[in-house]
Amino acid sequence: MFGIGGGELFFVILVVLMLFGSDKIPEIARSLGKGMKQLKNATNEIKSEINKNTDLNDIKNTFNDVRSDVTSHTKNLGNNINEEINQVKENIEDASGPIKRMR
């Protein structure tokens, strides 16, 4: 346990008993437990915030990818429609050319 042998652990417990007395040790242990719990809760909150931010960044990146895909497809669709319209105009002009000349 923490690289401490049995004899060393006994010595540490003996020193703590002599410094604080047997009536203060439960109170110290409770305080240490509360401190450890607060530290663990703070660590968990930090982890959850990091995970939330990571999730938000993933969502933003996905949204940006989808937006750029939609933009490029829209431009391609617009170009295709313009090409078709121009082709129809040419066909109409070719077909109406002889009619206009007859007048």
Protein backbone atom coordinates (compact mmCIF):
# COMPACT_ATOMS: atom_id res chain seq x y z
CA MET A 1 0.00 0.00 0.00
CA PHE A 2 1.70 3.21 -1.25
CA GLY A 3 5.10 1.48 -0.96
CA ILE A 4 4.89 1.49 2.86
CA GLY A 5 5.65 -1.66 4.82
CA GLY A 6 3.81 -2.90 7.91
CA GLY A 7 6.31 -1.45 10.38
CA GLU A 8 6.34 1.93 8.67
CA LEU A 9 2.54 2.04 8.62
CA PHE A 10 2.43 1.22 12.35
CA PHE A 11 4.92 4.05 13.03
CA VAL A 12 2.84 6.56 11.01
CA ILE A 13 -0.34 5.56 12.89
CA LEU A 14 1.50 5.92 16.21
CA VAL A 15 2.75 9.41 15.28
CA VAL A 16 -0.76 10.49 14.19
CA LEU A 17 -2.21 9.21 17.48
CA MET A 18 0.40 11.11 19.47
CA LEU A 19 -0.08 14.36 17.50
CA PHE A 20 -3.87 14.50 17.33
CA GLY A 21 -5.13 12.16 20.05
CA SER A 22 -7.61 9.34 19.70
CA ASP A 23 -10.67 11.60 19.97
CA LYS A 24 -9.65 13.78 16.97
CA ILE A 25 -8.79 10.97 14.52
CA PRO A 26 -12.43 10.14 13.52
CA GLU A 27 -13.06 13.84 12.86
CA ILE A 28 -9.90 14.09 10.76
CA ALA A 29 -10.86 10.95 8.83
CA ARG A 30 -14.33 12.41 8.12
CA SER A 31 -12.78 15.65 6.91
CA LEU A 32 -10.38 13.78 4.67
CA GLY A 33 -13.26 11.69 3.30
CA LYS A 34 -15.33 14.78 2.55
CA GLY A 35 -12.35 16.42 0.86
CA MET A 36 -11.72 13.34 -1.27
CA LYS A 37 -15.42 13.24 -2.22
CA GLN A 38 -15.38 16.92 -3.24
CA LEU A 39 -12.23 16.37 -5.26
CA LYS A 40 -13.79 13.37 -7.01
CA ASN A 41 -16.99 15.32 -7.76
CA ALA A 42 -15.00 18.26 -9.15
CA THR A 43 -12.98 15.89 -11.32
CA ASN A 44 -16.16 14.24 -12.63
CA GLU A 45 -17.68 17.66 -13.42
CA ILE A 46 -14.58 18.65 -15.37
CA LYS A 47 -14.68 15.37 -17.30
CA SER A 48 -18.36 15.84 -18.14
CA GLU A 49 -17.75 19.40 -19.35
CA ILE A 50 -14.89 18.21 -21.56
CA ASN A 51 -17.11 15.46 -22.97
CA LYS A 52 -19.95 17.94 -23.63
CA ASN A 53 -17.59 20.33 -25.41
CA THR A 54 -16.16 17.47 -27.45
CA ASP A 55 -19.67 16.38 -28.42
CA LEU A 56 -20.59 19.96 -29.39
CA ASN A 57 -17.45 20.27 -31.51
CA ASP A 58 -18.28 16.98 -33.24
CA ILE A 59 -21.81 18.21 -33.95
CA LYS A 60 -20.49 21.54 -35.27
CA ASN A 61 -17.99 19.77 -37.54
CA THR A 62 -20.69 17.44 -38.85
CA PHE A 63 -23.00 20.40 -39.45
CA ASN A 64 -20.29 22.26 -41.34
CA ASP A 65 -19.56 19.19 -43.47
CA VAL A 66 -23.25 18.76 -44.31
CA ARG A 67 -23.61 22.47 -45.06
CA SER A 68 -20.65 22.45 -47.45
CA ASP A 69 -22.00 19.30 -49.16
CA VAL A 70 -25.43 20.88 -49.58
CA THR A 71 -23.86 24.09 -50.91
CA SER A 72 -21.77 22.26 -53.48
CA HIS A 73 -24.70 20.08 -54.57
CA THR A 74 -26.91 23.16 -54.86
CA LYS A 75 -24.33 24.89 -57.06
CA ASN A 76 -24.01 21.78 -59.24
CA LEU A 77 -27.77 21.50 -59.50
CA GLY A 78 -28.05 25.17 -60.45
CA ASN A 79 -25.40 24.75 -63.14
CA ASN A 80 -27.15 21.66 -64.51
CA ILE A 81 -30.49 23.46 -64.62
CA ASN A 82 -28.93 26.44 -66.42
CA GLU A 83 -27.33 24.12 -68.96
CA GLU A 84 -30.68 22.41 -69.60
CA ILE A 85 -32.47 25.74 -69.95
CA ASN A 86 -29.86 26.99 -72.43
CA GLN A 87 -30.14 23.76 -74.40
CA VAL A 88 -33.94 24.08 -74.54
CA LYS A 89 -33.57 27.71 -75.70
CA GLU A 90 -31.25 26.62 -78.48
CA ASN A 91 -33.66 23.88 -79.53
CA ILE A 92 -36.55 26.33 -79.59
CA GLU A 93 -34.51 28.84 -81.60
CA ASP A 94 -33.47 26.11 -84.05
CA ALA A 95 -37.07 25.00 -84.45
CA SER A 96 -38.50 28.51 -84.75
CA GLY A 97 -35.80 29.77 -87.11
CA PRO A 98 -37.45 28.47 -90.31
CA ILE A 99 -40.83 29.73 -89.10
CA LYS A 100 -39.50 33.26 -88.59
CA ARG A 101 -37.91 33.28 -92.06
CA MET A 102 -41.19 32.34 -93.74
CA ARG A 103 -42.96 35.51 -92.75
